[in-house]
Amino acid sequence: MAGPNIAKPAAAPNRAQVLSRAVAEVARHLDIGSSDLGAILGISQSSASRLMNGLYTLHEQQKEWELAALLVRLYRGLHSIVGNNEQLSKDWLKSRNRAFGDQIPFAVIRQAAGLVHACDYIDAHRAAA
């Protein structure tokens, strides 16, 4: 006699899946294409494209993991400042800013040091608000 048909709960996504999905969502919300995402994370354009399509998972022991976490941190910081107005976040990324030597933050975050600086800048503005 068979017991009751109890469905097993789906396995919870692991940390790599969660961060990978979060980065793909950030890229979509900020209109970051796979070439730019690859440059920001230090991965190839094809890997970034697969990431955005759910076919690539970030590797926790590599630099891409740290950069991905920083990109999500940047997005969350911007979101906390501007709320649900994604256009303001996009405008901030694409407008010259004296805090970045009159450069466009989007260009600055393509370098690891620039991404860290942008996160620190946003965090400082969140704390002041």
C-alpha atoms as a PDB file:
ATOM      1  CA  MET A   1       0.000   0.000   0.000  1.00  0.00           C
ATOM      2  CA  ALA A   2       1.450   3.324  -1.031  1.00  0.00           C
ATOM      3  CA  GLY A   3       1.518   6.208   1.411  1.00  0.00           C
ATOM      4  CA  PRO A   4       0.062   9.618   0.765  1.00  0.00           C
ATOM      5  CA  ASN A   5       1.499  11.428  -2.206  1.00  0.00           C
ATOM      6  CA  ILE A   6       3.475  14.155  -0.486  1.00  0.00           C
ATOM      7  CA  ALA A   7       5.345  16.483  -2.777  1.00  0.00           C
ATOM      8  CA  LYS A   8       8.892  17.246  -1.786  1.00  0.00           C
ATOM      9  CA  PRO A   9       9.598  20.943  -1.442  1.00  0.00           C
ATOM     10  CA  ALA A  10      11.759  22.379  -4.167  1.00  0.00           C
ATOM     11  CA  ALA A  11      15.378  22.785  -3.205  1.00  0.00           C
ATOM     12  CA  ALA A  12      16.224  26.278  -2.075  1.00  0.00           C
ATOM     13  CA  PRO A  13      18.499  28.137  -4.475  1.00  0.00           C
ATOM     14  CA  ASN A  14      22.115  28.253  -3.382  1.00  0.00           C
ATOM     15  CA  ARG A  15      24.087  31.444  -2.779  1.00  0.00           C
ATOM     16  CA  ALA A  16      25.557  31.464  -6.285  1.00  0.00           C
ATOM     17  CA  GLN A  17      22.132  31.171  -7.887  1.00  0.00           C
ATOM     18  CA  VAL A  18      20.753  33.962  -5.709  1.00  0.00           C
ATOM     19  CA  LEU A  19      23.579  36.383  -6.486  1.00  0.00           C
ATOM     20  CA  SER A  20      23.557  35.462 -10.170  1.00  0.00           C
ATOM     21  CA  ARG A  21      19.828  36.162 -10.424  1.00  0.00           C
ATOM     22  CA  ALA A  22      20.209  39.405  -8.485  1.00  0.00           C
ATOM     23  CA  VAL A  23      22.944  40.630 -10.838  1.00  0.00           C
ATOM     24  CA  ALA A  24      20.839  39.763 -13.871  1.00  0.00           C
ATOM     25  CA  GLU A  25      17.942  41.756 -12.401  1.00  0.00           C
ATOM     26  CA  VAL A  26      20.207  44.723 -11.628  1.00  0.00           C
ATOM     27  CA  ALA A  27      21.463  44.664 -15.219  1.00  0.00           C
ATOM     28  CA  ARG A  28      17.894  44.651 -16.527  1.00  0.00           C
ATOM     29  CA  HIS A  29      16.749  47.451 -14.210  1.00  0.00           C
ATOM     30  CA  LEU A  30      19.714  49.675 -15.081  1.00  0.00           C
ATOM     31  CA  ASP A  31      19.814  48.831 -18.807  1.00  0.00           C
ATOM     32  CA  ILE A  32      23.288  47.308 -18.561  1.00  0.00           C
ATOM     33  CA  GLY A  33      23.999  45.151 -21.591  1.00  0.00           C
ATOM     34  CA  SER A  34      26.050  41.980 -21.568  1.00  0.00           C
ATOM     35  CA  SER A  35      29.209  43.663 -22.890  1.00  0.00           C
ATOM     36  CA  ASP A  36      29.149  46.266 -20.131  1.00  0.00           C
ATOM     37  CA  LEU A  37      28.148  43.722 -17.495  1.00  0.00           C
ATOM     38  CA  GLY A  38      31.047  41.528 -18.549  1.00  0.00           C
ATOM     39  CA  ALA A  39      33.433  44.465 -18.194  1.00  0.00           C
ATOM     40  CA  ILE A  40      32.077  45.339 -14.765  1.00  0.00           C
ATOM     41  CA  LEU A  41      32.303  41.759 -13.480  1.00  0.00           C
ATOM     42  CA  GLY A  42      35.519  40.844 -15.261  1.00  0.00           C
ATOM     43  CA  ILE A  43      33.924  38.039 -17.260  1.00  0.00           C
ATOM     44  CA  SER A  44      33.506  37.551 -20.982  1.00  0.00           C
ATOM     45  CA  GLN A  45      30.603  39.076 -22.857  1.00  0.00           C
ATOM     46  CA  SER A  46      29.290  35.586 -23.638  1.00  0.00           C
ATOM     47  CA  SER A  47      29.399  34.585 -19.949  1.00  0.00           C
ATOM     48  CA  ALA A  48      27.607  37.813 -19.057  1.00  0.00           C
ATOM     49  CA  SER A  49      24.979  37.099 -21.696  1.00  0.00           C
ATOM     50  CA  ARG A  50      24.470  33.595 -20.316  1.00  0.00           C
ATOM     51  CA  LEU A  51      24.269  35.063 -16.801  1.00  0.00           C
ATOM     52  CA  MET A  52      21.532  37.437 -17.904  1.00  0.00           C
ATOM     53  CA  ASN A  53      19.658  34.487 -19.415  1.00  0.00           C
ATOM     54  CA  GLY A  54      20.007  32.283 -16.330  1.00  0.00           C
ATOM     55  CA  LEU A  55      22.531  29.939 -17.940  1.00  0.00           C
ATOM     56  CA  TYR A  56      25.658  30.999 -16.038  1.00  0.00           C
ATOM     57  CA  THR A  57      26.203  30.993 -12.298  1.00  0.00           C
ATOM     58  CA  LEU A  58      28.806  33.179 -10.647  1.00  0.00           C
ATOM     59  CA  HIS A  59      31.739  31.446  -8.969  1.00  0.00           C
ATOM     60  CA  GLU A  60      32.032  32.239  -5.283  1.00  0.00           C
ATOM     61  CA  GLN A  61      35.803  31.892  -5.016  1.00  0.00           C
ATOM     62  CA  GLN A  62      36.570  34.259  -7.898  1.00  0.00           C
ATOM     63  CA  LYS A  63      36.796  38.022  -8.338  1.00  0.00           C
ATOM     64  CA  GLU A  64      33.528  38.042 -10.320  1.00  0.00           C
ATOM     65  CA  TRP A  65      31.729  37.184  -7.063  1.00  0.00           C
ATOM     66  CA  GLU A  66      33.060  40.219  -5.216  1.00  0.00           C
ATOM     67  CA  LEU A  67      32.355  42.539  -8.132  1.00  0.00           C
ATOM     68  CA  ALA A  68      28.844  41.137  -8.515  1.00  0.00           C
ATOM     69  CA  ALA A  69      28.133  41.725  -4.822  1.00  0.00           C
ATOM     70  CA  LEU A  70      29.385  45.302  -5.186  1.00  0.00           C
ATOM     71  CA  LEU A  71      27.157  45.902  -8.217  1.00  0.00           C
ATOM     72  CA  VAL A  72      24.123  44.707  -6.256  1.00  0.00           C
ATOM     73  CA  ARG A  73      25.207  46.911  -3.326  1.00  0.00           C
ATOM     74  CA  LEU A  74      25.431  49.904  -5.672  1.00  0.00           C
ATOM     75  CA  TYR A  75      21.962  49.238  -7.051  1.00  0.00           C
ATOM     76  CA  ARG A  76      20.424  48.770  -3.601  1.00  0.00           C
ATOM     77  CA  GLY A  77      22.048  51.995  -2.429  1.00  0.00           C
ATOM     78  CA  LEU A  78      20.739  53.931  -5.409  1.00  0.00           C
ATOM     79  CA  HIS A  79      17.320  52.386  -4.931  1.00  0.00           C
ATOM     80  CA  SER A  80      17.241  53.450  -1.289  1.00  0.00           C
ATOM     81  CA  ILE A  81      17.977  57.033  -2.316  1.00  0.00           C
ATOM     82  CA  VAL A  82      15.677  57.398  -5.341  1.00  0.00           C
ATOM     83  CA  GLY A  83      13.029  54.816  -4.479  1.00  0.00           C
ATOM     84  CA  ASN A  84      11.302  53.006  -7.311  1.00  0.00           C
ATOM     85  CA  ASN A  85      12.263  55.658  -9.854  1.00  0.00           C
ATOM     86  CA  GLU A  86      14.658  53.597 -11.962  1.00  0.00           C
ATOM     87  CA  GLN A  87      15.053  56.454 -14.416  1.00  0.00           C
ATOM     88  CA  LEU A  88      16.780  58.523 -11.717  1.00  0.00           C
ATOM     89  CA  SER A  89      19.194  55.645 -11.085  1.00  0.00           C
ATOM     90  CA  LYS A  90      19.920  55.362 -14.800  1.00  0.00           C
ATOM     91  CA  ASP A  91      20.352  59.136 -15.065  1.00  0.00           C
ATOM     92  CA  TRP A  92      22.793  59.142 -12.131  1.00  0.00           C
ATOM     93  CA  LEU A  93      24.859  56.403 -13.782  1.00  0.00           C
ATOM     94  CA  LYS A  94      25.018  58.291 -17.079  1.00  0.00           C
ATOM     95  CA  SER A  95      25.597  61.859 -15.846  1.00  0.00           C
ATOM     96  CA  ARG A  96      28.944  63.474 -15.196  1.00  0.00           C
ATOM     97  CA  ASN A  97      29.755  63.682 -11.520  1.00  0.00           C
ATOM     98  CA  ARG A  98      32.433  65.789  -9.843  1.00  0.00           C
ATOM     99  CA  ALA A  99      32.924  63.086  -7.221  1.00  0.00           C
ATOM    100  CA  PHE A 100      34.330  60.910 -10.011  1.00  0.00           C
ATOM    101  CA  GLY A 101      36.598  63.501 -11.572  1.00  0.00           C
ATOM    102  CA  ASP A 102      33.764  64.790 -13.768  1.00  0.00           C
ATOM    103  CA  GLN A 103      33.451  61.336 -15.305  1.00  0.00           C
ATOM    104  CA  ILE A 104      30.293  59.333 -15.847  1.00  0.00           C
ATOM    105  CA  PRO A 105      29.805  56.803 -13.016  1.00  0.00           C
ATOM    106  CA  PHE A 106      28.862  54.121 -15.538  1.00  0.00           C
ATOM    107  CA  ALA A 107      32.345  54.405 -17.068  1.00  0.00           C
ATOM    108  CA  VAL A 108      34.001  54.475 -13.646  1.00  0.00           C
ATOM    109  CA  ILE A 109      32.346  51.268 -12.386  1.00  0.00           C
ATOM    110  CA  ARG A 110      33.929  49.263 -15.200  1.00  0.00           C
ATOM    111  CA  GLN A 111      37.068  49.238 -13.019  1.00  0.00           C
ATOM    112  CA  ALA A 112      37.032  47.457  -9.654  1.00  0.00           C
ATOM    113  CA  ALA A 113      38.387  50.505  -7.802  1.00  0.00           C
ATOM    114  CA  GLY A 114      35.742  52.687  -9.459  1.00  0.00           C
ATOM    115  CA  LEU A 115      32.964  50.302  -8.443  1.00  0.00           C
ATOM    116  CA  VAL A 116      34.205  50.366  -4.846  1.00  0.00           C
ATOM    117  CA  HIS A 117      34.411  54.176  -4.942  1.00  0.00           C
ATOM    118  CA  ALA A 118      30.879  54.435  -6.350  1.00  0.00           C
ATOM    119  CA  CYS A 119      29.548  52.151  -3.602  1.00  0.00           C
ATOM    120  CA  ASP A 120      31.306  54.194  -0.929  1.00  0.00           C
ATOM    121  CA  TYR A 121      29.945  57.411  -2.438  1.00  0.00           C
ATOM    122  CA  ILE A 122      26.372  56.103  -2.481  1.00  0.00           C
ATOM    123  CA  ASP A 123      26.715  54.703   1.043  1.00  0.00           C
ATOM    124  CA  ALA A 124      27.933  58.099   2.295  1.00  0.00           C
ATOM    125  CA  HIS A 125      24.931  59.829   0.710  1.00  0.00           C
ATOM    126  CA  ARG A 126      22.562  57.279   2.220  1.00  0.00           C
ATOM    127  CA  ALA A 127      24.047  57.891   5.654  1.00  0.00           C
ATOM    128  CA  ALA A 128      23.668  61.655   5.250  1.00  0.00           C
ATOM    129  CA  ALA A 129      20.024  61.401   4.232  1.00  0.00           C
END
